[in-house]
Amino acid sequence: MKHGPIALIDHLMPVVFVAMKDSIYDKVKSNIQEVRARKGTVIAITDEGNDELDSLCEFVIHIPTVAEEVSPILTVVPLQLLSYHIAVMRGCDVDM
């Protein structure tokens, strides 16, 4: 996250991170810290047993630990559920 997108973050901006313990975990964690420094709300999806993010994020969703190649299949489930529930709360027709 550089320049433009980071400038939009404030206390009203929720940011969702997929922060699995994989090859780019340290970069993702650094981005979480940048969002926190700008008072953004952080929602993280991470591996089961990863308690590192509990103190950095307002909300943490844990999913089972799997191989890095398979993790996109599991991480998409909470992302889809989150988007569904937000759409329902906004009064959008989710069956369209």
N, C-alpha and C. Protein backbone atom coordinates (compact mmCIF):
# COMPACT_ATOMS: atom_id res chain seq x y z
N MET A 1 0.85 -1.18 0.00
CA MET A 1 0.00 0.00 0.00
C MET A 1 0.89 1.23 0.00
N LYS A 2 0.86 1.93 -1.06
CA LYS A 2 1.69 3.13 -1.16
C LYS A 2 0.85 4.30 -1.65
N HIS A 3 1.23 5.46 -1.24
CA HIS A 3 0.74 6.75 -1.73
C HIS A 3 -0.78 6.88 -1.66
N GLY A 4 -1.48 6.82 -2.77
CA GLY A 4 -2.91 7.08 -2.86
C GLY A 4 -3.78 6.31 -1.89
N PRO A 5 -3.78 4.98 -1.93
CA PRO A 5 -4.68 4.22 -1.06
C PRO A 5 -4.44 4.48 0.43
N ILE A 6 -3.21 4.63 0.83
CA ILE A 6 -2.91 4.84 2.25
C ILE A 6 -3.42 6.20 2.72
N ALA A 7 -3.49 7.16 1.83
CA ALA A 7 -3.97 8.51 2.19
C ALA A 7 -5.46 8.51 2.51
N LEU A 8 -6.20 7.52 2.04
CA LEU A 8 -7.64 7.45 2.27
C LEU A 8 -8.02 6.87 3.63
N ILE A 9 -7.07 6.30 4.33
CA ILE A 9 -7.37 5.59 5.57
C ILE A 9 -7.52 6.56 6.73
N ASP A 10 -8.64 6.39 7.45
CA ASP A 10 -8.88 7.13 8.69
C ASP A 10 -9.68 6.23 9.63
N HIS A 11 -10.19 6.78 10.73
CA HIS A 11 -10.88 5.96 11.73
C HIS A 11 -12.20 5.38 11.21
N LEU A 12 -12.71 5.87 10.10
CA LEU A 12 -13.95 5.35 9.53
C LEU A 12 -13.72 4.28 8.46
N MET A 13 -12.47 4.01 8.14
CA MET A 13 -12.15 3.11 7.03
C MET A 13 -11.74 1.72 7.54
N PRO A 14 -12.62 0.71 7.38
CA PRO A 14 -12.21 -0.64 7.73
C PRO A 14 -11.36 -1.23 6.59
N VAL A 15 -10.30 -1.94 6.96
CA VAL A 15 -9.41 -2.56 5.98
C VAL A 15 -9.32 -4.05 6.31
N VAL A 16 -9.56 -4.89 5.30
CA VAL A 16 -9.51 -6.34 5.49
C VAL A 16 -8.18 -6.86 4.95
N PHE A 17 -7.48 -7.63 5.77
CA PHE A 17 -6.20 -8.21 5.38
C PHE A 17 -6.29 -9.73 5.40
N VAL A 18 -5.71 -10.36 4.40
CA VAL A 18 -5.49 -11.81 4.42
C VAL A 18 -4.03 -11.96 4.87
N ALA A 19 -3.84 -12.38 6.10
CA ALA A 19 -2.51 -12.40 6.72
C ALA A 19 -2.13 -13.81 7.14
N MET A 20 -2.00 -14.67 6.17
CA MET A 20 -1.59 -16.04 6.46
C MET A 20 -0.09 -16.07 6.74
N LYS A 21 0.35 -17.02 7.55
CA LYS A 21 1.78 -17.16 7.86
C LYS A 21 2.47 -17.80 6.66
N ASP A 22 2.75 -16.99 5.64
CA ASP A 22 3.36 -17.50 4.43
C ASP A 22 4.55 -16.63 4.04
N SER A 23 4.94 -16.69 2.79
CA SER A 23 6.15 -16.00 2.33
C SER A 23 6.06 -14.48 2.38
N ILE A 24 4.85 -13.91 2.41
CA ILE A 24 4.72 -12.44 2.44
C ILE A 24 4.13 -11.93 3.76
N TYR A 25 4.09 -12.78 4.77
CA TYR A 25 3.49 -12.42 6.05
C TYR A 25 4.09 -11.15 6.65
N ASP A 26 5.40 -11.02 6.64
CA ASP A 26 6.04 -9.85 7.24
C ASP A 26 5.62 -8.55 6.55
N LYS A 27 5.48 -8.58 5.22
CA LYS A 27 5.03 -7.39 4.48
C LYS A 27 3.58 -7.04 4.85
N VAL A 28 2.74 -8.07 4.95
CA VAL A 28 1.34 -7.84 5.30
C VAL A 28 1.25 -7.26 6.71
N LYS A 29 2.03 -7.80 7.62
CA LYS A 29 2.04 -7.30 9.00
C LYS A 29 2.49 -5.84 9.03
N SER A 30 3.47 -5.48 8.23
CA SER A 30 3.92 -4.10 8.12
C SER A 30 2.80 -3.19 7.61
N ASN A 31 2.04 -3.67 6.63
CA ASN A 31 0.91 -2.90 6.11
C ASN A 31 -0.18 -2.72 7.17
N ILE A 32 -0.40 -3.75 7.98
CA ILE A 32 -1.36 -3.64 9.08
C ILE A 32 -0.92 -2.53 10.03
N GLN A 33 0.35 -2.49 10.34
CA GLN A 33 0.87 -1.46 11.24
C GLN A 33 0.71 -0.06 10.64
N GLU A 34 0.85 0.07 9.32
CA GLU A 34 0.64 1.36 8.65
C GLU A 34 -0.82 1.81 8.79
N VAL A 35 -1.74 0.88 8.61
CA VAL A 35 -3.16 1.20 8.74
C VAL A 35 -3.47 1.61 10.17
N ARG A 36 -2.93 0.88 11.13
CA ARG A 36 -3.15 1.20 12.55
C ARG A 36 -2.60 2.59 12.90
N ALA A 37 -1.46 2.94 12.31
CA ALA A 37 -0.86 4.25 12.58
C ALA A 37 -1.77 5.37 12.08
N ARG A 38 -2.61 5.07 11.09
CA ARG A 38 -3.53 6.07 10.55
C ARG A 38 -4.93 5.92 11.14
N LYS A 39 -5.04 5.16 12.21
CA LYS A 39 -6.29 4.95 12.95
C LYS A 39 -7.35 4.17 12.19
N GLY A 40 -6.94 3.39 11.19
CA GLY A 40 -7.90 2.57 10.46
C GLY A 40 -8.31 1.35 11.26
N THR A 41 -9.50 0.84 10.99
CA THR A 41 -9.99 -0.38 11.62
C THR A 41 -9.47 -1.58 10.82
N VAL A 42 -8.89 -2.55 11.51
CA VAL A 42 -8.27 -3.69 10.83
C VAL A 42 -9.04 -4.98 11.13
N ILE A 43 -9.41 -5.66 10.05
CA ILE A 43 -10.01 -6.99 10.12
C ILE A 43 -9.01 -7.93 9.44
N ALA A 44 -8.57 -8.96 10.16
CA ALA A 44 -7.56 -9.86 9.60
C ALA A 44 -8.08 -11.29 9.53
N ILE A 45 -7.73 -11.94 8.44
CA ILE A 45 -7.98 -13.37 8.29
C ILE A 45 -6.60 -14.03 8.34
N THR A 46 -6.43 -14.94 9.30
CA THR A 46 -5.11 -15.54 9.51
C THR A 46 -5.23 -17.00 9.92
N ASP A 47 -4.08 -17.62 10.05
CA ASP A 47 -4.00 -19.03 10.42
C ASP A 47 -4.47 -19.27 11.85
N GLU A 48 -5.05 -20.43 12.04
CA GLU A 48 -5.40 -20.89 13.38
C GLU A 48 -4.13 -20.94 14.22
N GLY A 49 -4.18 -20.40 15.42
CA GLY A 49 -3.01 -20.42 16.29
C GLY A 49 -2.11 -19.20 16.15
N ASN A 50 -2.35 -18.36 15.17
CA ASN A 50 -1.56 -17.14 15.02
C ASN A 50 -2.18 -16.05 15.89
N ASP A 51 -1.62 -15.87 17.08
CA ASP A 51 -2.14 -14.87 18.02
C ASP A 51 -1.38 -13.55 17.92
N GLU A 52 -0.40 -13.47 17.03
CA GLU A 52 0.40 -12.25 16.85
C GLU A 52 -0.46 -11.05 16.49
N LEU A 53 -1.50 -11.28 15.74
CA LEU A 53 -2.31 -10.17 15.22
C LEU A 53 -3.41 -9.71 16.17
N ASP A 54 -3.64 -10.46 17.24
CA ASP A 54 -4.71 -10.11 18.16
C ASP A 54 -4.56 -8.71 18.74
N SER A 55 -3.34 -8.30 19.01
CA SER A 55 -3.13 -6.97 19.60
C SER A 55 -3.10 -5.87 18.54
N LEU A 56 -2.90 -6.23 17.27
CA LEU A 56 -2.84 -5.24 16.19
C LEU A 56 -4.19 -4.98 15.53
N CYS A 57 -5.08 -5.96 15.58
CA CYS A 57 -6.32 -5.90 14.81
C CYS A 57 -7.54 -5.84 15.72
N GLU A 58 -8.56 -5.13 15.26
CA GLU A 58 -9.81 -5.09 16.02
C GLU A 58 -10.56 -6.41 15.92
N PHE A 59 -10.49 -7.03 14.74
CA PHE A 59 -11.18 -8.29 14.52
C PHE A 59 -10.23 -9.26 13.82
N VAL A 60 -10.17 -10.50 14.33
CA VAL A 60 -9.32 -11.53 13.73
C VAL A 60 -10.18 -12.77 13.48
N ILE A 61 -10.14 -13.25 12.23
CA ILE A 61 -10.85 -14.46 11.85
C ILE A 61 -9.79 -15.53 11.60
N HIS A 62 -9.86 -16.61 12.36
CA HIS A 62 -8.88 -17.69 12.22
C HIS A 62 -9.46 -18.79 11.33
N ILE A 63 -8.62 -19.28 10.41
CA ILE A 63 -8.99 -20.41 9.57
C ILE A 63 -7.93 -21.49 9.74
N PRO A 64 -8.24 -22.73 9.39
CA PRO A 64 -7.25 -23.81 9.55
C PRO A 64 -5.97 -23.54 8.77
N THR A 65 -4.86 -23.97 9.34
CA THR A 65 -3.57 -23.84 8.69
C THR A 65 -3.45 -24.90 7.59
N VAL A 66 -3.14 -24.43 6.39
CA VAL A 66 -2.98 -25.34 5.23
C VAL A 66 -1.77 -24.90 4.44
N ALA A 67 -1.42 -25.66 3.42
CA ALA A 67 -0.31 -25.30 2.54
C ALA A 67 -0.62 -23.96 1.85
N GLU A 68 0.43 -23.19 1.59
CA GLU A 68 0.29 -21.87 0.99
C GLU A 68 -0.50 -21.91 -0.32
N GLU A 69 -0.34 -22.98 -1.09
CA GLU A 69 -1.02 -23.10 -2.38
C GLU A 69 -2.53 -23.29 -2.23
N VAL A 70 -2.97 -23.80 -1.09
CA VAL A 70 -4.38 -24.10 -0.86
C VAL A 70 -5.09 -22.98 -0.10
N SER A 71 -4.36 -22.12 0.55
CA SER A 71 -4.96 -21.10 1.41
C SER A 71 -5.96 -20.18 0.71
N PRO A 72 -5.79 -19.83 -0.58
CA PRO A 72 -6.82 -18.98 -1.20
C PRO A 72 -8.22 -19.60 -1.20
N ILE A 73 -8.28 -20.93 -1.26
CA ILE A 73 -9.57 -21.62 -1.25
C ILE A 73 -10.26 -21.41 0.09
N LEU A 74 -9.50 -21.44 1.18
CA LEU A 74 -10.09 -21.26 2.51
C LEU A 74 -10.32 -19.79 2.85
N THR A 75 -9.43 -18.92 2.44
CA THR A 75 -9.59 -17.51 2.83
C THR A 75 -10.75 -16.84 2.11
N VAL A 76 -11.15 -17.35 0.97
CA VAL A 76 -12.25 -16.73 0.24
C VAL A 76 -13.59 -16.93 0.96
N VAL A 77 -13.73 -17.97 1.76
CA VAL A 77 -15.00 -18.24 2.44
C VAL A 77 -15.36 -17.11 3.41
N PRO A 78 -14.50 -16.72 4.36
CA PRO A 78 -14.88 -15.61 5.24
C PRO A 78 -15.02 -14.28 4.49
N LEU A 79 -14.25 -14.10 3.40
CA LEU A 79 -14.38 -12.87 2.61
C LEU A 79 -15.76 -12.80 1.95
N GLN A 80 -16.22 -13.91 1.41
CA GLN A 80 -17.55 -13.95 0.79
C GLN A 80 -18.65 -13.74 1.82
N LEU A 81 -18.50 -14.35 2.98
CA LEU A 81 -19.50 -14.17 4.04
C LEU A 81 -19.53 -12.72 4.53
N LEU A 82 -18.37 -12.13 4.66
CA LEU A 82 -18.29 -10.73 5.08
C LEU A 82 -19.00 -9.83 4.06
N SER A 83 -18.71 -10.03 2.79
CA SER A 83 -19.33 -9.20 1.76
C SER A 83 -20.84 -9.44 1.69
N TYR A 84 -21.27 -10.66 1.89
CA TYR A 84 -22.70 -10.97 1.90
C TYR A 84 -23.41 -10.22 3.02
N HIS A 85 -22.87 -10.31 4.24
CA HIS A 85 -23.52 -9.68 5.39
C HIS A 85 -23.50 -8.16 5.30
N ILE A 86 -22.44 -7.60 4.75
CA ILE A 86 -22.40 -6.14 4.55
C ILE A 86 -23.47 -5.74 3.54
N ALA A 87 -23.62 -6.49 2.46
CA ALA A 87 -24.64 -6.19 1.46
C ALA A 87 -26.03 -6.26 2.05
N VAL A 88 -26.29 -7.28 2.88
CA VAL A 88 -27.60 -7.40 3.52
C VAL A 88 -27.84 -6.21 4.45
N MET A 89 -26.84 -5.84 5.23
CA MET A 89 -26.98 -4.69 6.15
C MET A 89 -27.27 -3.39 5.39
N ARG A 90 -26.70 -3.27 4.20
CA ARG A 90 -26.92 -2.07 3.37
C ARG A 90 -28.24 -2.12 2.63
N GLY A 91 -28.95 -3.23 2.69
CA GLY A 91 -30.22 -3.36 2.02
C GLY A 91 -30.11 -3.72 0.54
N CYS A 92 -28.97 -4.25 0.14
CA CYS A 92 -28.77 -4.63 -1.27
C CYS A 92 -29.46 -5.97 -1.54
N ASP A 93 -29.90 -6.16 -2.78
CA ASP A 93 -30.48 -7.43 -3.19
C ASP A 93 -29.34 -8.40 -3.48
N VAL A 94 -29.11 -9.33 -2.57
CA VAL A 94 -27.98 -10.24 -2.71
C VAL A 94 -28.27 -11.39 -3.67
N ASP A 95 -29.52 -11.54 -4.09
CA ASP A 95 -29.88 -12.61 -5.01
C ASP A 95 -29.95 -12.14 -6.45
N MET A 96 -29.54 -10.94 -6.70
CA MET A 96 -29.63 -10.37 -8.04
C MET A 96 -28.63 -10.96 -8.99
